[in-house]
């Protein structure tokens, strides 16, 4: 989307250690796109869901 010039409000990047995961996460950090990135080889969908749920909870309380 960003390469197409479209606005990217936020990326949650928590993929586990698949091939090139660390490099892809670091590239995202350097890109300047707003993001929450779990650096290194740790990660998973449960963590992404937890982050998303907390963002929703904070938006309702704020």
PDB file of N, CA and C in Angstrom:
ATOM      1  N   UNK A   1       0.817  -1.184   0.000  1.00  0.00           N
ATOM      2  CA  UNK A   1       0.000   0.000   0.000  1.00  0.00           C
ATOM      3  C   UNK A   1       0.868   1.258   0.000  1.00  0.00           C
ATOM      4  N   UNK A   2       1.893   1.255   0.854  1.00  0.00           N
ATOM      5  CA  UNK A   2       2.764   2.431   0.934  1.00  0.00           C
ATOM      6  C   UNK A   2       3.477   2.675  -0.388  1.00  0.00           C
ATOM      7  N   UNK A   3       3.885   1.604  -1.066  1.00  0.00           N
ATOM      8  CA  UNK A   3       4.560   1.756  -2.356  1.00  0.00           C
ATOM      9  C   UNK A   3       3.638   2.370  -3.397  1.00  0.00           C
ATOM     10  N   UNK A   4       2.323   2.171  -3.225  1.00  0.00           N
ATOM     11  CA  UNK A   4       1.330   2.739  -4.142  1.00  0.00           C
ATOM     12  C   UNK A   4       0.951   4.165  -3.761  1.00  0.00           C
ATOM     13  N   UNK A   5       1.552   4.689  -2.673  1.00  0.00           N
ATOM     14  CA  UNK A   5       1.273   6.039  -2.236  1.00  0.00           C
ATOM     15  C   UNK A   5       0.043   6.153  -1.357  1.00  0.00           C
ATOM     16  N   UNK A   6      -0.495   5.015  -0.936  1.00  0.00           N
ATOM     17  CA  UNK A   6      -1.670   5.024  -0.079  1.00  0.00           C
ATOM     18  C   UNK A   6      -1.261   5.167   1.380  1.00  0.00           C
ATOM     19  N   UNK A   7      -2.130   5.779   2.174  1.00  0.00           N
ATOM     20  CA  UNK A   7      -1.867   5.980   3.594  1.00  0.00           C
ATOM     21  C   UNK A   7      -1.946   4.654   4.337  1.00  0.00           C
ATOM     22  N   UNK A   8      -0.952   4.393   5.159  1.00  0.00           N
ATOM     23  CA  UNK A   8      -0.943   3.200   6.007  1.00  0.00           C
ATOM     24  C   UNK A   8      -0.981   3.705   7.444  1.00  0.00           C
ATOM     25  N   UNK A   9      -2.135   3.586   8.122  1.00  0.00           N
ATOM     26  CA  UNK A   9      -2.237   4.156   9.469  1.00  0.00           C
ATOM     27  C   UNK A   9      -1.380   3.441  10.513  1.00  0.00           C
ATOM     28  N   UNK A  10      -1.254   2.114  10.413  1.00  0.00           N
ATOM     29  CA  UNK A  10      -0.473   1.367  11.400  1.00  0.00           C
ATOM     30  C   UNK A  10      -0.289  -0.068  10.925  1.00  0.00           C
ATOM     31  N   UNK A  11       0.888  -0.603  11.166  1.00  0.00           N
ATOM     32  CA  UNK A  11       1.155  -2.019  10.912  1.00  0.00           C
ATOM     33  C   UNK A  11       1.566  -2.652  12.238  1.00  0.00           C
ATOM     34  N   UNK A  12       0.952  -3.772  12.564  1.00  0.00           N
ATOM     35  CA  UNK A  12       1.352  -4.563  13.720  1.00  0.00           C
ATOM     36  C   UNK A  12       2.146  -5.745  13.174  1.00  0.00           C
ATOM     37  N   UNK A  13       3.431  -5.778  13.474  1.00  0.00           N
ATOM     38  CA  UNK A  13       4.326  -6.794  12.900  1.00  0.00           C
ATOM     39  C   UNK A  13       4.868  -7.689  14.000  1.00  0.00           C
ATOM     40  N   UNK A  14       4.265  -8.868  14.131  1.00  0.00           N
ATOM     41  CA  UNK A  14       4.721  -9.815  15.147  1.00  0.00           C
ATOM     42  C   UNK A  14       4.899 -11.221  14.586  1.00  0.00           C
ATOM     43  N   UNK A  15       5.330 -11.362  13.310  1.00  0.00           N
ATOM     44  CA  UNK A  15       5.488 -12.716  12.809  1.00  0.00           C
ATOM     45  C   UNK A  15       6.624 -13.426  13.545  1.00  0.00           C
ATOM     46  N   UNK A  16       6.484 -14.726  13.777  1.00  0.00           N
ATOM     47  CA  UNK A  16       7.566 -15.466  14.419  1.00  0.00           C
ATOM     48  C   UNK A  16       8.736 -15.644  13.467  1.00  0.00           C
ATOM     49  N   UNK A  17       9.720 -16.401  13.865  1.00  0.00           N
ATOM     50  CA  UNK A  17      10.975 -16.507  13.145  1.00  0.00           C
ATOM     51  C   UNK A  17      10.956 -17.299  11.861  1.00  0.00           C
ATOM     52  N   UNK A  18      10.082 -16.961  10.926  1.00  0.00           N
ATOM     53  CA  UNK A  18      10.139 -17.591   9.616  1.00  0.00           C
ATOM     54  C   UNK A  18      11.321 -17.032   8.848  1.00  0.00           C
ATOM     55  N   UNK A  19      11.624 -17.585   7.713  1.00  0.00           N
ATOM     56  CA  UNK A  19      12.765 -17.143   6.918  1.00  0.00           C
ATOM     57  C   UNK A  19      12.662 -15.648   6.650  1.00  0.00           C
ATOM     58  N   UNK A  20      13.691 -14.911   6.993  1.00  0.00           N
ATOM     59  CA  UNK A  20      13.813 -13.470   6.774  1.00  0.00           C
ATOM     60  C   UNK A  20      12.907 -12.623   7.657  1.00  0.00           C
ATOM     61  N   UNK A  21      12.259 -13.195   8.675  1.00  0.00           N
ATOM     62  CA  UNK A  21      11.364 -12.413   9.529  1.00  0.00           C
ATOM     63  C   UNK A  21      12.089 -11.247  10.192  1.00  0.00           C
ATOM     64  N   UNK A  22      13.275 -11.498  10.718  1.00  0.00           N
ATOM     65  CA  UNK A  22      14.017 -10.436  11.397  1.00  0.00           C
ATOM     66  C   UNK A  22      14.334  -9.309  10.425  1.00  0.00           C
ATOM     67  N   UNK A  23      14.790  -9.657   9.234  1.00  0.00           N
ATOM     68  CA  UNK A  23      15.139  -8.639   8.239  1.00  0.00           C
ATOM     69  C   UNK A  23      13.921  -7.835   7.807  1.00  0.00           C
ATOM     70  N   UNK A  24      12.796  -8.511   7.628  1.00  0.00           N
ATOM     71  CA  UNK A  24      11.572  -7.816   7.203  1.00  0.00           C
ATOM     72  C   UNK A  24      11.095  -6.859   8.291  1.00  0.00           C
ATOM     73  N   UNK A  25      11.143  -7.298   9.538  1.00  0.00           N
ATOM     74  CA  UNK A  25      10.731  -6.428  10.643  1.00  0.00           C
ATOM     75  C   UNK A  25      11.632  -5.201  10.728  1.00  0.00           C
ATOM     76  N   UNK A  26      12.937  -5.388  10.602  1.00  0.00           N
ATOM     77  CA  UNK A  26      13.870  -4.260  10.670  1.00  0.00           C
ATOM     78  C   UNK A  26      13.667  -3.299   9.497  1.00  0.00           C
ATOM     79  N   UNK A  27      13.362  -3.825   8.332  1.00  0.00           N
ATOM     80  CA  UNK A  27      13.073  -2.971   7.172  1.00  0.00           C
ATOM     81  C   UNK A  27      11.833  -2.124   7.450  1.00  0.00           C
ATOM     82  N   UNK A  28      10.828  -2.709   8.079  1.00  0.00           N
ATOM     83  CA  UNK A  28       9.630  -1.958   8.432  1.00  0.00           C
ATOM     84  C   UNK A  28       9.964  -0.842   9.412  1.00  0.00           C
ATOM     85  N   UNK A  29      10.776  -1.128  10.415  1.00  0.00           N
ATOM     86  CA  UNK A  29      11.172  -0.101  11.385  1.00  0.00           C
ATOM     87  C   UNK A  29      11.843   1.067  10.667  1.00  0.00           C
ATOM     88  N   UNK A  30      12.739   0.767   9.736  1.00  0.00           N
ATOM     89  CA  UNK A  30      13.468   1.815   8.998  1.00  0.00           C
ATOM     90  C   UNK A  30      12.585   2.559   8.010  1.00  0.00           C
ATOM     91  N   UNK A  31      11.458   1.985   7.620  1.00  0.00           N
ATOM     92  CA  UNK A  31      10.605   2.585   6.586  1.00  0.00           C
ATOM     93  C   UNK A  31       9.923   3.869   7.026  1.00  0.00           C
ATOM     94  N   UNK A  32       9.752   4.036   8.330  1.00  0.00           N
ATOM     95  CA  UNK A  32       9.045   5.222   8.814  1.00  0.00           C
ATOM     96  C   UNK A  32       7.536   5.061   8.841  1.00  0.00           C
ATOM     97  N   UNK A  33       7.033   3.923   8.402  1.00  0.00           N
ATOM     98  CA  UNK A  33       5.600   3.657   8.468  1.00  0.00           C
ATOM     99  C   UNK A  33       5.242   3.434   9.938  1.00  0.00           C
ATOM    100  N   UNK A  34       4.152   4.047  10.426  1.00  0.00           N
ATOM    101  CA  UNK A  34       3.763   3.813  11.818  1.00  0.00           C
ATOM    102  C   UNK A  34       3.574   2.315  12.064  1.00  0.00           C
ATOM    103  N   UNK A  35       4.234   1.818  13.108  1.00  0.00           N
ATOM    104  CA  UNK A  35       4.178   0.376  13.331  1.00  0.00           C
ATOM    105  C   UNK A  35       4.478   0.023  14.779  1.00  0.00           C
ATOM    106  N   UNK A  36       3.992  -1.138  15.155  1.00  0.00           N
ATOM    107  CA  UNK A  36       4.364  -1.785  16.406  1.00  0.00           C
ATOM    108  C   UNK A  36       5.060  -3.063  15.965  1.00  0.00           C
ATOM    109  N   UNK A  37       6.337  -3.175  16.301  1.00  0.00           N
ATOM    110  CA  UNK A  37       7.146  -4.289  15.803  1.00  0.00           C
ATOM    111  C   UNK A  37       7.753  -5.043  16.977  1.00  0.00           C
ATOM    112  N   UNK A  38       7.560  -6.339  16.996  1.00  0.00           N
ATOM    113  CA  UNK A  38       8.229  -7.196  17.957  1.00  0.00           C
ATOM    114  C   UNK A  38       9.515  -7.666  17.293  1.00  0.00           C
ATOM    115  N   UNK A  39      10.619  -7.062  17.695  1.00  0.00           N
ATOM    116  CA  UNK A  39      11.896  -7.343  17.039  1.00  0.00           C
ATOM    117  C   UNK A  39      12.414  -8.728  17.376  1.00  0.00           C
ATOM    118  N   UNK A  40      13.242  -9.255  16.498  1.00  0.00           N
ATOM    119  CA  UNK A  40      13.849 -10.560  16.707  1.00  0.00           C
ATOM    120  C   UNK A  40      12.987 -11.685  16.154  1.00  0.00           C
ATOM    121  N   UNK A  41      13.220 -12.891  16.663  1.00  0.00           N
ATOM    122  CA  UNK A  41      12.543 -14.068  16.123  1.00  0.00           C
ATOM    123  C   UNK A  41      11.279 -14.444  16.894  1.00  0.00           C
ATOM    124  N   UNK A  42      10.990 -13.730  17.968  1.00  0.00           N
ATOM    125  CA  UNK A  42       9.792 -14.028  18.747  1.00  0.00           C
ATOM    126  C   UNK A  42       8.572 -13.431  18.044  1.00  0.00           C
ATOM    127  N   UNK A  43       7.402 -13.991  18.332  1.00  0.00           N
ATOM    128  CA  UNK A  43       6.192 -13.417  17.772  1.00  0.00           C
ATOM    129  C   UNK A  43       5.080 -14.430  17.659  1.00  0.00           C
ATOM    130  N   UNK A  44       4.039 -14.055  16.955  1.00  0.00           N
ATOM    131  CA  UNK A  44       2.913 -14.935  16.727  1.00  0.00           C
ATOM    132  C   UNK A  44       1.604 -14.182  16.693  1.00  0.00           C
ATOM    133  N   UNK A  45       0.577 -14.870  16.246  1.00  0.00           N
ATOM    134  CA  UNK A  45      -0.733 -14.242  16.092  1.00  0.00           C
ATOM    135  C   UNK A  45      -1.365 -13.876  17.426  1.00  0.00           C
ATOM    136  N   UNK A  46      -1.065 -14.636  18.479  1.00  0.00           N
ATOM    137  CA  UNK A  46      -1.604 -14.304  19.798  1.00  0.00           C
ATOM    138  C   UNK A  46      -1.127 -12.948  20.281  1.00  0.00           C
ATOM    139  N   UNK A  47       0.121 -12.642  20.031  1.00  0.00           N
ATOM    140  CA  UNK A  47       0.672 -11.345  20.423  1.00  0.00           C
ATOM    141  C   UNK A  47       0.033 -10.237  19.589  1.00  0.00           C
ATOM    142  N   UNK A  48      -0.125 -10.458  18.304  1.00  0.00           N
ATOM    143  CA  UNK A  48      -0.773  -9.464  17.438  1.00  0.00           C
ATOM    144  C   UNK A  48      -2.205  -9.205  17.901  1.00  0.00           C
ATOM    145  N   UNK A  49      -2.927 -10.257  18.264  1.00  0.00           N
ATOM    146  CA  UNK A  49      -4.300 -10.098  18.745  1.00  0.00           C
ATOM    147  C   UNK A  49      -4.327  -9.322  20.058  1.00  0.00           C
ATOM    148  N   UNK A  50      -3.387  -9.594  20.953  1.00  0.00           N
ATOM    149  CA  UNK A  50      -3.322  -8.868  22.219  1.00  0.00           C
ATOM    150  C   UNK A  50      -3.065  -7.383  22.004  1.00  0.00           C
ATOM    151  N   UNK A  51      -2.158  -7.059  21.105  1.00  0.00           N
ATOM    152  CA  UNK A  51      -1.862  -5.657  20.788  1.00  0.00           C
ATOM    153  C   UNK A  51      -3.101  -4.979  20.213  1.00  0.00           C
ATOM    154  N   UNK A  52      -3.755  -5.647  19.276  1.00  0.00           N
ATOM    155  CA  UNK A  52      -4.962  -5.088  18.658  1.00  0.00           C
ATOM    156  C   UNK A  52      -6.046  -4.866  19.704  1.00  0.00           C
ATOM    157  N   UNK A  53      -6.275  -5.850  20.575  1.00  0.00           N
ATOM    158  CA  UNK A  53      -7.291  -5.708  21.620  1.00  0.00           C
ATOM    159  C   UNK A  53      -6.993  -4.543  22.549  1.00  0.00           C
ATOM    160  N   UNK A  54      -5.732  -4.344  22.893  1.00  0.00           N
ATOM    161  CA  UNK A  54      -5.368  -3.228  23.767  1.00  0.00           C
ATOM    162  C   UNK A  54      -5.585  -1.888  23.077  1.00  0.00           C
ATOM    163  N   UNK A  55      -5.279  -1.804  21.795  1.00  0.00           N
ATOM    164  CA  UNK A  55      -5.527  -0.553  21.057  1.00  0.00           C
ATOM    165  C   UNK A  55      -7.018  -0.238  21.057  1.00  0.00           C
ATOM    166  N   UNK A  56      -7.841  -1.240  20.817  1.00  0.00           N
ATOM    167  CA  UNK A  56      -9.292  -1.045  20.831  1.00  0.00           C
ATOM    168  C   UNK A  56      -9.758  -0.615  22.221  1.00  0.00           C
ATOM    169  N   UNK A  57      -9.253  -1.294  23.270  1.00  0.00           N
ATOM    170  CA  UNK A  57      -9.632  -0.945  24.638  1.00  0.00           C
ATOM    171  C   UNK A  57      -9.246   0.490  24.970  1.00  0.00           C
ATOM    172  N   UNK A  58      -8.033   0.888  24.590  1.00  0.00           N
ATOM    173  CA  UNK A  58      -7.568   2.250  24.861  1.00  0.00           C
ATOM    174  C   UNK A  58      -8.405   3.279  24.106  1.00  0.00           C
ATOM    175  N   UNK A  59      -8.795   2.970  22.886  1.00  0.00           N
ATOM    176  CA  UNK A  59      -9.574   3.931  22.102  1.00  0.00           C
ATOM    177  C   UNK A  59     -10.974   4.131  22.683  1.00  0.00           C
ATOM    178  N   UNK A  60     -11.511   3.120  23.334  1.00  0.00           N
ATOM    179  CA  UNK A  60     -12.842   3.224  23.958  1.00  0.00           C
ATOM    180  C   UNK A  60     -12.788   3.990  25.256  1.00  0.00           C
ATOM    181  N   UNK A  61     -11.647   3.961  25.933  1.00  0.00           N
ATOM    182  CA  UNK A  61     -11.515   4.623  27.226  1.00  0.00           C
ATOM    183  C   UNK A  61     -10.925   6.022  27.131  1.00  0.00           C
ATOM    184  N   UNK A  62     -10.518   6.416  25.947  1.00  0.00           N
ATOM    185  CA  UNK A  62      -9.787   7.658  25.866  1.00  0.00           C
ATOM    186  C   UNK A  62     -10.457   8.738  25.171  1.00  0.00           C
TER     187      UNK A  62
END
